[in-house]
């Protein structure tokens, strides 16, 4: 239940701190360009994927589904691959993204990856 609640809270923080992630949001230059240390993007580069993993792991654990938890491992690998591949575009198109990537080193989990 803790993972599920943490994932929902992170979803709320992402949408609150980054209007482009919300439906009808404005600006496509990224949360990294909007600044602000209170936002999840100040700690990890892909908090939207981190929340999916938290919720995805929380639900099978809450329901006692080991098969569901195994599926989350595949989801994590897929999201990790997508996150790494996805960063090629902002590196090439946005001037400040390389500095942001140096400042915020972690993709999903602070101090881990």
Protein backbone atom coordinates (compact mmCIF):
# COMPACT_ATOMS: atom_id res chain seq x y z
CA UNK A 1 0.00 0.00 0.00
CA UNK A 2 2.94 2.31 0.73
CA UNK A 3 4.33 1.92 -2.82
CA UNK A 4 0.91 2.58 -4.31
CA UNK A 5 0.38 5.71 -2.21
CA UNK A 6 3.90 6.94 -2.96
CA UNK A 7 3.28 6.47 -6.70
CA UNK A 8 0.01 8.40 -6.52
CA UNK A 9 1.67 11.19 -4.53
CA UNK A 10 4.50 11.37 -7.08
CA UNK A 11 1.92 11.58 -9.89
CA UNK A 12 0.35 14.54 -8.15
CA UNK A 13 3.74 16.24 -7.66
CA UNK A 14 4.67 15.75 -11.31
CA UNK A 15 1.40 17.22 -12.56
CA UNK A 16 1.50 20.07 -10.05
CA UNK A 17 5.10 21.02 -10.77
CA UNK A 18 5.14 20.55 -14.51
CA UNK A 19 2.18 21.88 -16.47
CA UNK A 20 3.24 20.19 -19.73
CA UNK A 21 2.64 16.75 -18.18
CA UNK A 22 -0.96 17.68 -17.40
CA UNK A 23 -3.72 17.51 -20.02
CA UNK A 24 -3.79 20.82 -21.85
CA UNK A 25 -0.38 21.76 -20.49
CA UNK A 26 1.78 24.37 -22.16
CA UNK A 27 5.39 24.45 -23.23
CA UNK A 28 7.34 21.54 -24.65
CA UNK A 29 10.85 22.50 -23.59
CA UNK A 30 10.73 20.28 -20.53
CA UNK A 31 10.38 20.51 -16.78
CA UNK A 32 14.14 20.76 -16.54
CA UNK A 33 13.88 24.19 -18.19
CA UNK A 34 11.21 25.35 -15.73
CA UNK A 35 13.59 24.96 -12.79
CA UNK A 36 12.57 24.67 -9.16
CA UNK A 37 14.17 22.38 -6.62
CA UNK A 38 10.84 21.38 -5.09
CA UNK A 39 9.78 19.52 -8.21
CA UNK A 40 10.47 15.81 -8.76
CA UNK A 41 12.51 16.71 -11.85
CA UNK A 42 15.14 18.19 -9.55
CA UNK A 43 15.89 14.68 -8.23
CA UNK A 44 15.25 12.30 -11.15
CA UNK A 45 15.01 12.90 -14.88
CA UNK A 46 12.00 10.60 -15.42
CA UNK A 47 9.62 10.88 -12.44
CA UNK A 48 6.67 9.90 -14.62
CA UNK A 49 8.28 6.52 -15.26
CA UNK A 50 9.23 6.23 -11.59
CA UNK A 51 5.59 6.65 -10.58
CA UNK A 52 4.48 3.99 -13.05
CA UNK A 53 6.98 1.58 -11.50
CA UNK A 54 5.85 2.41 -7.96
CA UNK A 55 2.18 1.94 -8.78
CA UNK A 56 2.94 -1.10 -10.92
CA UNK A 57 4.82 -2.75 -8.05
CA UNK A 58 2.36 -1.65 -5.38
CA UNK A 59 -0.76 -3.16 -6.95
CA UNK A 60 0.56 -6.75 -7.37
CA UNK A 61 2.05 -6.65 -3.86
CA UNK A 62 -1.24 -5.41 -2.44
CA UNK A 63 -3.13 -8.17 -4.27
CA UNK A 64 -0.53 -10.84 -3.52
CA UNK A 65 0.16 -11.53 -7.19
CA UNK A 66 3.70 -12.76 -7.74
CA UNK A 67 3.03 -13.06 -11.48
CA UNK A 68 2.06 -9.40 -11.54
CA UNK A 69 5.25 -8.51 -9.71
CA UNK A 70 7.24 -10.47 -12.29
CA UNK A 71 5.54 -8.45 -15.04
CA UNK A 72 6.72 -5.26 -13.29
CA UNK A 73 10.32 -6.40 -13.72
CA UNK A 74 9.78 -6.54 -17.48
CA UNK A 75 8.06 -3.15 -17.31
CA UNK A 76 11.06 -1.70 -15.47
CA UNK A 77 13.50 -2.98 -18.08
CA UNK A 78 11.32 -1.61 -20.89
CA UNK A 79 10.98 1.79 -19.25
CA UNK A 80 14.71 1.95 -18.54
CA UNK A 81 15.47 1.25 -22.20
CA UNK A 82 12.90 3.81 -23.32
CA UNK A 83 14.23 6.47 -20.93
CA UNK A 84 17.79 6.07 -22.20
CA UNK A 85 16.69 6.14 -25.84
CA UNK A 86 14.33 9.06 -25.21
CA UNK A 87 17.12 11.32 -24.00
CA UNK A 88 18.79 11.52 -27.40
CA UNK A 89 16.21 14.02 -28.69
CA UNK A 90 16.44 16.64 -25.90
CA UNK A 91 20.25 16.33 -25.90
CA UNK A 92 20.24 17.26 -29.58
CA UNK A 93 17.43 19.85 -29.61
CA UNK A 94 17.57 21.70 -26.30
CA UNK A 95 20.63 23.68 -25.33
CA UNK A 96 20.31 23.32 -21.56
CA UNK A 97 19.45 19.63 -21.37
CA UNK A 98 23.04 18.41 -21.21
CA UNK A 99 23.68 20.65 -18.19
CA UNK A 100 20.44 19.40 -16.60
CA UNK A 101 21.52 15.78 -17.18
CA UNK A 102 24.84 16.48 -15.47
CA UNK A 103 23.08 18.14 -12.54
CA UNK A 104 20.40 15.46 -12.16
CA UNK A 105 22.25 12.19 -12.68
CA UNK A 106 19.53 9.71 -11.78
CA UNK A 107 16.88 8.44 -14.18
CA UNK A 108 14.23 6.89 -11.85
CA UNK A 109 15.52 6.45 -8.30
CA UNK A 110 17.77 8.94 -6.47
CA UNK A 111 21.11 7.43 -5.41
CA UNK A 112 20.37 4.22 -7.38
CA UNK A 113 19.77 4.83 -11.11
